[in-house]
Amino acid sequence: MTNLPLRGTYRQSDDEKEAEYVLPVRWIRTRAREEAFWVKTLRAYRSVACQITHASTIETLTTEFGLQD
């Protein structure tokens, strides 16, 4: 992504606390849309990048995707 000629003019604010950033994501595991799952108790935010801290969500995703701590 850092090699791409990206340039943006959109600005919400000059305040760093309100700034918006683009973040690269390294996917460890992926699934086809047909294999998607949802558990009512999972916590997720669609429009922001954030660290997952909800213990139940972490446990469910770790198990579902076969990940180790």
C-alpha atoms as a PDB file:
ATOM      1  CA  MET A   1       0.000   0.000   0.000  1.00  0.00           C
ATOM      2  CA  THR A   2       2.871   2.368   0.716  1.00  0.00           C
ATOM      3  CA  ASN A   3       3.988   1.889  -2.906  1.00  0.00           C
ATOM      4  CA  LEU A   4       0.692   3.168  -4.293  1.00  0.00           C
ATOM      5  CA  PRO A   5       0.453   6.766  -5.514  1.00  0.00           C
ATOM      6  CA  LEU A   6      -2.217   7.713  -2.970  1.00  0.00           C
ATOM      7  CA  ARG A   7      -3.186  11.316  -2.457  1.00  0.00           C
ATOM      8  CA  GLY A   8      -6.234  12.640  -0.688  1.00  0.00           C
ATOM      9  CA  THR A   9      -7.652  16.083  -0.158  1.00  0.00           C
ATOM     10  CA  TYR A  10     -10.434  15.182   2.254  1.00  0.00           C
ATOM     11  CA  ARG A  11      -9.952  16.615   5.741  1.00  0.00           C
ATOM     12  CA  GLN A  12     -12.372  16.314   8.628  1.00  0.00           C
ATOM     13  CA  SER A  13     -10.240  18.272  11.079  1.00  0.00           C
ATOM     14  CA  ASP A  14      -6.734  19.573  11.681  1.00  0.00           C
ATOM     15  CA  ASP A  15      -6.939  18.187  15.228  1.00  0.00           C
ATOM     16  CA  GLU A  16      -4.867  14.991  15.456  1.00  0.00           C
ATOM     17  CA  LYS A  17      -7.364  13.451  17.893  1.00  0.00           C
ATOM     18  CA  GLU A  18     -10.099  13.759  15.265  1.00  0.00           C
ATOM     19  CA  ALA A  19      -7.932  12.780  12.291  1.00  0.00           C
ATOM     20  CA  GLU A  20      -8.743   9.807  10.067  1.00  0.00           C
ATOM     21  CA  TYR A  21      -6.127   7.312   8.933  1.00  0.00           C
ATOM     22  CA  VAL A  22      -5.847   4.457   6.458  1.00  0.00           C
ATOM     23  CA  LEU A  23      -4.363   1.320   7.999  1.00  0.00           C
ATOM     24  CA  PRO A  24      -2.992  -1.748   6.238  1.00  0.00           C
ATOM     25  CA  VAL A  25      -4.454  -5.087   7.326  1.00  0.00           C
ATOM     26  CA  ARG A  26      -2.615  -8.408   7.232  1.00  0.00           C
ATOM     27  CA  TRP A  27      -5.307 -11.088   7.150  1.00  0.00           C
ATOM     28  CA  ILE A  28      -4.221 -14.282   8.910  1.00  0.00           C
ATOM     29  CA  ARG A  29      -7.263 -16.293   7.830  1.00  0.00           C
ATOM     30  CA  THR A  30     -10.112 -15.524   5.467  1.00  0.00           C
ATOM     31  CA  ARG A  31     -13.340 -17.244   4.450  1.00  0.00           C
ATOM     32  CA  ALA A  32     -15.623 -17.216   1.483  1.00  0.00           C
ATOM     33  CA  ARG A  33     -18.783 -15.161   2.001  1.00  0.00           C
ATOM     34  CA  GLU A  34     -20.817 -18.396   1.975  1.00  0.00           C
ATOM     35  CA  GLU A  35     -18.846 -19.618   5.019  1.00  0.00           C
ATOM     36  CA  ALA A  36     -19.402 -16.468   7.072  1.00  0.00           C
ATOM     37  CA  PHE A  37     -20.724 -16.801  10.606  1.00  0.00           C
ATOM     38  CA  TRP A  38     -22.273 -14.551  13.217  1.00  0.00           C
ATOM     39  CA  VAL A  39     -22.941 -15.085  16.889  1.00  0.00           C
ATOM     40  CA  LYS A  40     -25.386 -12.678  18.507  1.00  0.00           C
ATOM     41  CA  THR A  41     -22.987 -11.899  21.391  1.00  0.00           C
ATOM     42  CA  LEU A  42     -20.039 -10.887  19.167  1.00  0.00           C
ATOM     43  CA  ARG A  43     -18.988  -7.259  19.353  1.00  0.00           C
ATOM     44  CA  ALA A  44     -17.809  -5.522  16.199  1.00  0.00           C
ATOM     45  CA  TYR A  45     -17.607  -2.054  14.728  1.00  0.00           C
ATOM     46  CA  ARG A  46     -17.924  -1.989  10.943  1.00  0.00           C
ATOM     47  CA  SER A  47     -16.621   1.481  10.197  1.00  0.00           C
ATOM     48  CA  VAL A  48     -13.541   1.703  12.408  1.00  0.00           C
ATOM     49  CA  ALA A  49     -10.324  -0.166  13.020  1.00  0.00           C
ATOM     50  CA  CYS A  50     -10.047  -1.083  16.661  1.00  0.00           C
ATOM     51  CA  GLN A  51      -8.437  -3.559  18.983  1.00  0.00           C
ATOM     52  CA  ILE A  52     -10.789  -6.350  19.997  1.00  0.00           C
ATOM     53  CA  THR A  53     -10.934  -6.481  23.794  1.00  0.00           C
ATOM     54  CA  HIS A  54     -14.232  -8.266  24.474  1.00  0.00           C
ATOM     55  CA  ALA A  55     -13.114 -11.630  25.913  1.00  0.00           C
ATOM     56  CA  SER A  56     -16.024 -13.631  24.525  1.00  0.00           C
ATOM     57  CA  THR A  57     -15.478 -12.229  21.025  1.00  0.00           C
ATOM     58  CA  ILE A  58     -11.751 -13.041  21.169  1.00  0.00           C
ATOM     59  CA  GLU A  59     -12.451 -16.609  22.307  1.00  0.00           C
ATOM     60  CA  THR A  60     -15.081 -17.167  19.605  1.00  0.00           C
ATOM     61  CA  LEU A  61     -12.903 -15.819  16.784  1.00  0.00           C
ATOM     62  CA  THR A  62      -9.822 -17.705  17.990  1.00  0.00           C
ATOM     63  CA  THR A  63     -11.768 -20.969  17.997  1.00  0.00           C
ATOM     64  CA  GLU A  64     -13.684 -20.323  14.756  1.00  0.00           C
ATOM     65  CA  PHE A  65     -10.533 -19.464  12.786  1.00  0.00           C
ATOM     66  CA  GLY A  66      -8.264 -22.044  14.442  1.00  0.00           C
ATOM     67  CA  LEU A  67      -5.865 -19.456  15.853  1.00  0.00           C
ATOM     68  CA  GLN A  68      -3.520 -19.730  18.805  1.00  0.00           C
ATOM     69  CA  ASP A  69      -2.844 -16.959  21.356  1.00  0.00           C
END
